[in-house]
C-alpha atoms as a PDB file:
ATOM      1  CA  MET A   1     -45.100  99.733 129.438  1.00  0.00           C
ATOM      2  CA  THR A   2     -46.525  96.232 129.098  1.00  0.00           C
ATOM      3  CA  PHE A   3     -44.498  93.013 129.131  1.00  0.00           C
ATOM      4  CA  ARG A   4     -45.142  92.650 125.393  1.00  0.00           C
ATOM      5  CA  GLY A   5     -43.817  96.180 124.818  1.00  0.00           C
ATOM      6  CA  LEU A   6     -40.698  95.430 126.867  1.00  0.00           C
ATOM      7  CA  SER A   7     -40.143  92.197 124.931  1.00  0.00           C
ATOM      8  CA  THR A   8     -40.462  94.008 121.601  1.00  0.00           C
ATOM      9  CA  THR A   9     -38.088  96.747 122.737  1.00  0.00           C
ATOM     10  CA  PHE A  10     -35.560  94.178 123.990  1.00  0.00           C
ATOM     11  CA  LEU A  11     -35.772  92.250 120.710  1.00  0.00           C
ATOM     12  CA  ALA A  12     -35.230  95.424 118.679  1.00  0.00           C
ATOM     13  CA  LEU A  13     -32.219  96.399 120.809  1.00  0.00           C
ATOM     14  CA  SER A  14     -30.780  92.874 120.513  1.00  0.00           C
ATOM     15  CA  LEU A  15     -31.093  92.966 116.724  1.00  0.00           C
ATOM     16  CA  LEU A  16     -29.489  96.424 116.614  1.00  0.00           C
ATOM     17  CA  VAL A  17     -26.517  95.290 118.728  1.00  0.00           C
ATOM     18  CA  SER A  18     -26.191  92.094 116.668  1.00  0.00           C
ATOM     19  CA  CYS A  19     -26.192  94.058 113.396  1.00  0.00           C
ATOM     20  CA  GLN A  20     -23.668  96.556 114.778  1.00  0.00           C
ATOM     21  CA  THR A  21     -21.362  93.725 115.921  1.00  0.00           C
ATOM     22  CA  SER A  22     -21.669  92.060 112.516  1.00  0.00           C
ATOM     23  CA  LYS A  23     -20.824  95.350 110.767  1.00  0.00           C
ATOM     24  CA  ASN A  24     -17.774  95.854 113.004  1.00  0.00           C
ATOM     25  CA  GLN A  25     -16.586  92.313 112.222  1.00  0.00           C
ATOM     26  CA  ASP A  26     -17.111  92.923 108.491  1.00  0.00           C
ATOM     27  CA  LYS A  27     -14.931  96.055 108.708  1.00  0.00           C
ATOM     28  CA  ASN A  28     -12.087  93.962 110.136  1.00  0.00           C
ATOM     29  CA  ILE A  29     -12.179  91.432 107.287  1.00  0.00           C
ATOM     30  CA  ILE A  30      -9.618  91.884 104.517  1.00  0.00           C
ATOM     31  CA  LYS A  31     -10.324  88.778 102.460  1.00  0.00           C
ATOM     32  CA  VAL A  32     -12.550  85.683 102.436  1.00  0.00           C
ATOM     33  CA  SER A  33     -11.524  82.646 100.367  1.00  0.00           C
ATOM     34  CA  TYR A  34     -13.551  79.520  99.593  1.00  0.00           C
ATOM     35  CA  VAL A  35     -11.924  76.147  98.956  1.00  0.00           C
ATOM     36  CA  HIS A  36     -13.815  73.092  97.679  1.00  0.00           C
ATOM     37  CA  ARG A  37     -13.380  69.804  99.571  1.00  0.00           C
ATOM     38  CA  TYR A  38     -10.985  68.662  96.825  1.00  0.00           C
ATOM     39  CA  GLY A  39      -8.706  71.618  97.533  1.00  0.00           C
ATOM     40  CA  VAL A  40      -9.770  73.754  94.570  1.00  0.00           C
ATOM     41  CA  PRO A  41     -10.342  77.515  95.179  1.00  0.00           C
ATOM     42  CA  ILE A  42     -13.878  78.530  94.170  1.00  0.00           C
ATOM     43  CA  THR A  43     -16.108  81.619  94.246  1.00  0.00           C
ATOM     44  CA  GLU A  44     -18.682  82.299  96.959  1.00  0.00           C
ATOM     45  CA  ALA A  45     -21.468  81.579  94.471  1.00  0.00           C
ATOM     46  CA  ASP A  46     -19.927  78.209  93.550  1.00  0.00           C
ATOM     47  CA  TRP A  47     -19.452  77.455  97.268  1.00  0.00           C
ATOM     48  CA  SER A  48     -23.232  77.625  97.738  1.00  0.00           C
ATOM     49  CA  THR A  49     -24.018  75.797  94.490  1.00  0.00           C
ATOM     50  CA  LEU A  50     -21.594  72.936  95.213  1.00  0.00           C
ATOM     51  CA  GLY A  51     -23.027  72.141  98.645  1.00  0.00           C
ATOM     52  CA  LYS A  52     -20.943  74.281 101.040  1.00  0.00           C
ATOM     53  CA  THR A  53     -18.415  71.523 101.723  1.00  0.00           C
ATOM     54  CA  GLY A  54     -14.768  72.463 102.173  1.00  0.00           C
ATOM     55  CA  GLU A  55     -13.054  75.395 103.870  1.00  0.00           C
ATOM     56  CA  ILE A  56     -13.646  79.112 104.305  1.00  0.00           C
ATOM     57  CA  GLU A  57     -10.518  81.127 105.079  1.00  0.00           C
ATOM     58  CA  THR A  58     -10.919  84.633 106.514  1.00  0.00           C
ATOM     59  CA  SER A  59      -8.040  87.125 106.795  1.00  0.00           C
ATOM     60  CA  LEU A  60      -8.461  89.949 109.314  1.00  0.00           C
ATOM     61  CA  LYS A  61      -6.812  93.381 109.532  1.00  0.00           C
ATOM     62  CA  SER A  62      -5.188  92.271 112.788  1.00  0.00           C
ATOM     63  CA  GLY A  63      -3.145  89.700 110.878  1.00  0.00           C
ATOM     64  CA  VAL A  64      -5.201  86.793 112.229  1.00  0.00           C
ATOM     65  CA  ARG A  65      -6.240  84.083 109.773  1.00  0.00           C
ATOM     66  CA  ILE A  66      -9.295  81.933 110.511  1.00  0.00           C
ATOM     67  CA  THR A  67      -9.908  78.694 108.627  1.00  0.00           C
ATOM     68  CA  ARG A  68     -13.177  76.822 109.146  1.00  0.00           C
ATOM     69  CA  SER A  69     -14.080  73.388 107.745  1.00  0.00           C
ATOM     70  CA  TYR A  70     -17.625  72.628 106.655  1.00  0.00           C
ATOM     71  CA  LYS A  71     -19.658  69.659 105.459  1.00  0.00           C
ATOM     72  CA  ASP A  72     -22.980  70.473 103.795  1.00  0.00           C
ATOM     73  CA  GLY A  73     -22.867  73.962 105.342  1.00  0.00           C
ATOM     74  CA  VAL A  74     -22.292  72.675 108.894  1.00  0.00           C
ATOM     75  CA  LEU A  75     -19.005  72.980 110.811  1.00  0.00           C
ATOM     76  CA  ASP A  76     -17.244  69.616 110.589  1.00  0.00           C
ATOM     77  CA  GLY A  77     -13.551  68.834 111.024  1.00  0.00           C
ATOM     78  CA  LYS A  78     -10.782  71.211 112.115  1.00  0.00           C
ATOM     79  CA  SER A  79     -11.140  74.969 112.364  1.00  0.00           C
ATOM     80  CA  THR A  80      -8.078  77.060 113.209  1.00  0.00           C
ATOM     81  CA  THR A  81      -7.223  80.592 114.286  1.00  0.00           C
ATOM     82  CA  THR A  82      -3.633  81.844 113.970  1.00  0.00           C
ATOM     83  CA  TYR A  83      -1.734  84.352 116.058  1.00  0.00           C
ATOM     84  CA  PRO A  84      -1.559  87.818 114.389  1.00  0.00           C
ATOM     85  CA  HIS A  85       0.917  87.954 111.471  1.00  0.00           C
ATOM     86  CA  SER A  86       2.006  84.373 112.161  1.00  0.00           C
ATOM     87  CA  GLU A  87       1.538  80.853 110.827  1.00  0.00           C
ATOM     88  CA  VAL A  88       1.381  79.544 114.412  1.00  0.00           C
ATOM     89  CA  VAL A  89      -2.084  78.257 115.337  1.00  0.00           C
ATOM     90  CA  GLN A  90      -3.415  79.953 118.471  1.00  0.00           C
ATOM     91  CA  LYS A  91      -6.628  77.924 118.658  1.00  0.00           C
ATOM     92  CA  GLU A  92      -7.784  74.718 116.985  1.00  0.00           C
ATOM     93  CA  GLU A  93     -11.365  73.495 117.246  1.00  0.00           C
ATOM     94  CA  THR A  94     -12.635  70.127 116.039  1.00  0.00           C
ATOM     95  CA  PHE A  95     -16.315  69.858 115.160  1.00  0.00           C
ATOM     96  CA  LYS A  96     -18.477  66.810 114.441  1.00  0.00           C
ATOM     97  CA  ASP A  97     -21.778  67.561 112.706  1.00  0.00           C
ATOM     98  CA  GLY A  98     -21.782  71.127 114.050  1.00  0.00           C
ATOM     99  CA  LEU A  99     -20.946  70.171 117.635  1.00  0.00           C
ATOM    100  CA  LEU A 100     -17.638  71.109 119.263  1.00  0.00           C
ATOM    101  CA  ALA A 101     -15.757  67.868 120.035  1.00  0.00           C
ATOM    102  CA  SER A 102     -12.417  69.328 121.148  1.00  0.00           C
ATOM    103  CA  LEU A 103     -10.632  72.638 121.628  1.00  0.00           C
ATOM    104  CA  GLN A 104      -6.878  73.170 121.777  1.00  0.00           C
ATOM    105  CA  LYS A 105      -5.030  76.399 122.591  1.00  0.00           C
ATOM    106  CA  ASN A 106      -1.320  76.808 121.873  1.00  0.00           C
ATOM    107  CA  TYR A 107       1.477  78.980 123.190  1.00  0.00           C
ATOM    108  CA  THR A 108       3.065  81.481 120.778  1.00  0.00           C
ATOM    109  CA  ASN A 109       5.859  78.951 120.103  1.00  0.00           C
ATOM    110  CA  GLY A 110       3.255  76.448 118.858  1.00  0.00           C
ATOM    111  CA  THR A 111       3.400  73.985 121.758  1.00  0.00           C
ATOM    112  CA  PRO A 112       0.049  72.968 123.286  1.00  0.00           C
ATOM    113  CA  GLN A 113      -1.176  75.042 126.227  1.00  0.00           C
ATOM    114  CA  GLU A 114      -4.584  73.512 126.905  1.00  0.00           C
ATOM    115  CA  GLN A 115      -6.812  70.885 125.329  1.00  0.00           C
ATOM    116  CA  VAL A 116     -10.451  70.206 126.165  1.00  0.00           C
ATOM    117  CA  ASP A 117     -12.124  67.034 124.881  1.00  0.00           C
ATOM    118  CA  PHE A 118     -15.902  67.228 125.242  1.00  0.00           C
ATOM    119  CA  LEU A 119     -17.613  64.019 126.318  1.00  0.00           C
ATOM    120  CA  LYS A 120     -21.320  63.125 126.411  1.00  0.00           C
ATOM    121  CA  ASP A 121     -21.683  64.138 130.062  1.00  0.00           C
ATOM    122  CA  GLY A 122     -18.399  65.840 130.844  1.00  0.00           C
ATOM    123  CA  LYS A 123     -14.962  66.741 129.575  1.00  0.00           C
ATOM    124  CA  VAL A 124     -11.255  65.995 129.874  1.00  0.00           C
ATOM    125  CA  ILE A 125      -8.953  69.002 130.307  1.00  0.00           C
ATOM    126  CA  LYS A 126      -5.200  68.710 129.678  1.00  0.00           C
ATOM    127  CA  VAL A 127      -2.822  71.588 130.452  1.00  0.00           C
ATOM    128  CA  TRP A 128       0.896  71.899 129.603  1.00  0.00           C
ATOM    129  CA  TYR A 129       3.803  74.083 130.657  1.00  0.00           C
ATOM    130  CA  GLU A 130       5.308  76.171 127.851  1.00  0.00           C
ATOM    131  CA  SER A 131       8.245  73.737 127.782  1.00  0.00           C
ATOM    132  CA  GLY A 132       5.818  71.044 126.615  1.00  0.00           C
ATOM    133  CA  THR A 133       5.678  68.981 129.815  1.00  0.00           C
ATOM    134  CA  PRO A 134       2.231  68.181 131.269  1.00  0.00           C
ATOM    135  CA  LYS A 135       0.877  70.399 134.040  1.00  0.00           C
ATOM    136  CA  SER A 136      -2.442  68.671 134.738  1.00  0.00           C
ATOM    137  CA  VAL A 137      -5.045  66.224 133.449  1.00  0.00           C
ATOM    138  CA  GLU A 138      -8.591  66.553 134.784  1.00  0.00           C
ATOM    139  CA  THR A 139     -11.749  64.567 134.084  1.00  0.00           C
ATOM    140  CA  LEU A 140     -15.054  66.241 134.906  1.00  0.00           C
ATOM    141  CA  ASN A 141     -18.396  64.453 134.893  1.00  0.00           C
ATOM    142  CA  SER A 142     -21.548  66.558 135.301  1.00  0.00           C
ATOM    143  CA  ASN A 143     -19.250  69.461 136.343  1.00  0.00           C
ATOM    144  CA  LEU A 144     -17.751  67.395 139.178  1.00  0.00           C
ATOM    145  CA  LEU A 145     -13.996  66.776 139.303  1.00  0.00           C
ATOM    146  CA  SER A 146     -13.873  62.980 139.314  1.00  0.00           C
ATOM    147  CA  GLU A 147     -10.257  62.144 138.395  1.00  0.00           C
ATOM    148  CA  ALA A 148      -7.141  64.321 138.089  1.00  0.00           C
ATOM    149  CA  GLN A 149      -3.351  64.371 138.159  1.00  0.00           C
ATOM    150  CA  TYR A 150      -1.154  67.433 138.757  1.00  0.00           C
ATOM    151  CA  PHE A 151       2.540  67.751 137.901  1.00  0.00           C
ATOM    152  CA  ASN A 152       5.400  70.102 138.775  1.00  0.00           C
ATOM    153  CA  ASP A 153       7.636  71.492 136.021  1.00  0.00           C
ATOM    154  CA  LYS A 154       9.940  68.447 136.348  1.00  0.00           C
ATOM    155  CA  HIS A 155       7.034  66.165 135.371  1.00  0.00           C
ATOM    156  CA  GLU A 156       6.671  64.768 138.880  1.00  0.00           C
ATOM    157  CA  MET A 157       3.086  64.151 139.987  1.00  0.00           C
ATOM    158  CA  ASP A 158       2.540  65.862 143.345  1.00  0.00           C
ATOM    159  CA  ALA A 159      -1.260  65.945 143.690  1.00  0.00           C
ATOM    160  CA  ARG A 160      -4.234  63.940 142.473  1.00  0.00           C
ATOM    161  CA  VAL A 161      -7.967  63.369 142.707  1.00  0.00           C
ATOM    162  CA  ILE A 162      -9.413  59.849 142.727  1.00  0.00           C
ATOM    163  CA  ASN A 163     -13.137  59.059 142.784  1.00  0.00           C
ATOM    164  CA  LEU A 164     -14.131  62.707 143.481  1.00  0.00           C
ATOM    165  CA  ILE A 165     -11.740  63.078 146.465  1.00  0.00           C
ATOM    166  CA  GLY A 166      -8.204  64.445 146.692  1.00  0.00           C
ATOM    167  CA  THR A 167      -6.018  67.507 146.197  1.00  0.00           C
ATOM    168  CA  ARG A 168      -5.864  69.896 143.245  1.00  0.00           C
ATOM    169  CA  LYS A 169      -2.639  71.879 142.932  1.00  0.00           C
ATOM    170  CA  ILE A 170      -2.606  74.825 140.512  1.00  0.00           C
ATOM    171  CA  ARG A 171       0.784  76.149 139.357  1.00  0.00           C
ATOM    172  CA  ASP A 172       1.889  79.055 137.154  1.00  0.00           C
ATOM    173  CA  ASN A 173       4.024  78.506 134.048  1.00  0.00           C
ATOM    174  CA  PHE A 174       7.189  78.670 136.154  1.00  0.00           C
ATOM    175  CA  GLY A 175       6.024  75.756 138.300  1.00  0.00           C
ATOM    176  CA  ARG A 176       5.241  77.902 141.344  1.00  0.00           C
ATOM    177  CA  VAL A 177       2.180  76.859 143.351  1.00  0.00           C
ATOM    178  CA  ILE A 178      -0.696  79.360 143.193  1.00  0.00           C
ATOM    179  CA  THR A 179      -3.430  77.465 145.021  1.00  0.00           C
ATOM    180  CA  VAL A 180      -4.011  74.099 146.669  1.00  0.00           C
ATOM    181  CA  ASP A 181      -7.623  72.916 146.799  1.00  0.00           C
ATOM    182  CA  ASN A 182      -9.096  70.117 148.877  1.00  0.00           C
ATOM    183  CA  ILE A 183     -11.633  68.306 146.696  1.00  0.00           C
ATOM    184  CA  VAL A 184     -14.556  66.498 148.336  1.00  0.00           C
ATOM    185  CA  ASN A 185     -17.361  64.901 146.313  1.00  0.00           C
ATOM    186  CA  GLY A 186     -15.949  66.516 143.187  1.00  0.00           C
ATOM    187  CA  LYS A 187     -16.144  70.057 144.553  1.00  0.00           C
ATOM    188  CA  MET A 188     -13.698  72.398 146.247  1.00  0.00           C
ATOM    189  CA  ALA A 189     -14.121  72.178 150.018  1.00  0.00           C
ATOM    190  CA  LEU A 190     -11.124  74.305 151.024  1.00  0.00           C
ATOM    191  CA  GLN A 191      -8.652  76.492 149.113  1.00  0.00           C
ATOM    192  CA  THR A 192      -5.210  77.653 150.233  1.00  0.00           C
ATOM    193  CA  THR A 193      -3.609  80.511 148.251  1.00  0.00           C
ATOM    194  CA  PHE A 194       0.153  81.097 148.165  1.00  0.00           C
ATOM    195  CA  TYR A 195       2.184  84.264 147.642  1.00  0.00           C
ATOM    196  CA  PRO A 196       4.782  84.200 144.819  1.00  0.00           C
ATOM    197  CA  ASN A 197       7.879  82.136 145.718  1.00  0.00           C
ATOM    198  CA  GLN A 198       6.223  80.838 148.894  1.00  0.00           C
ATOM    199  CA  GLU A 199       4.862  77.303 149.179  1.00  0.00           C
END
């Protein structure tokens, strides 16, 4: 078979899988609602006619509710996904002109678990314990860990990275140390792993 034949076959298979996935997602949808930017419920036809600005709310069989904000048909503003059969937001994404600007995940009690703010050439990652106290704050530039602070469950900082050099300490949600990494030039140079209840 020629390269062109392989490419055509691959494309056909990709389209088939994509269509199948789309059909499976459609089967899981119970209801789709459209809301104009002024908060008025509208039909799908009116949504298109009026410029596709506002929110689309999708209810799934699993009990999950997804709300996405649009401006002129492009994701813009906050989009949320709830936990099943709950009003608690599991995931909140903030878009600017179709680009993801930030992502926040929450625990089932609604407190923040992790937040990622996307920068031009990097990102800032904040992680919390379920109690709401900070666990870590990391700044990555070009995928290199440039600055970071790590906290125990009593909110005491016990490890940090400054100017691409330092120590990264990863803990579980009970405050127990899982790994300790030596960071050199923004990358892990050495990792030490701990058994549960042993530091």
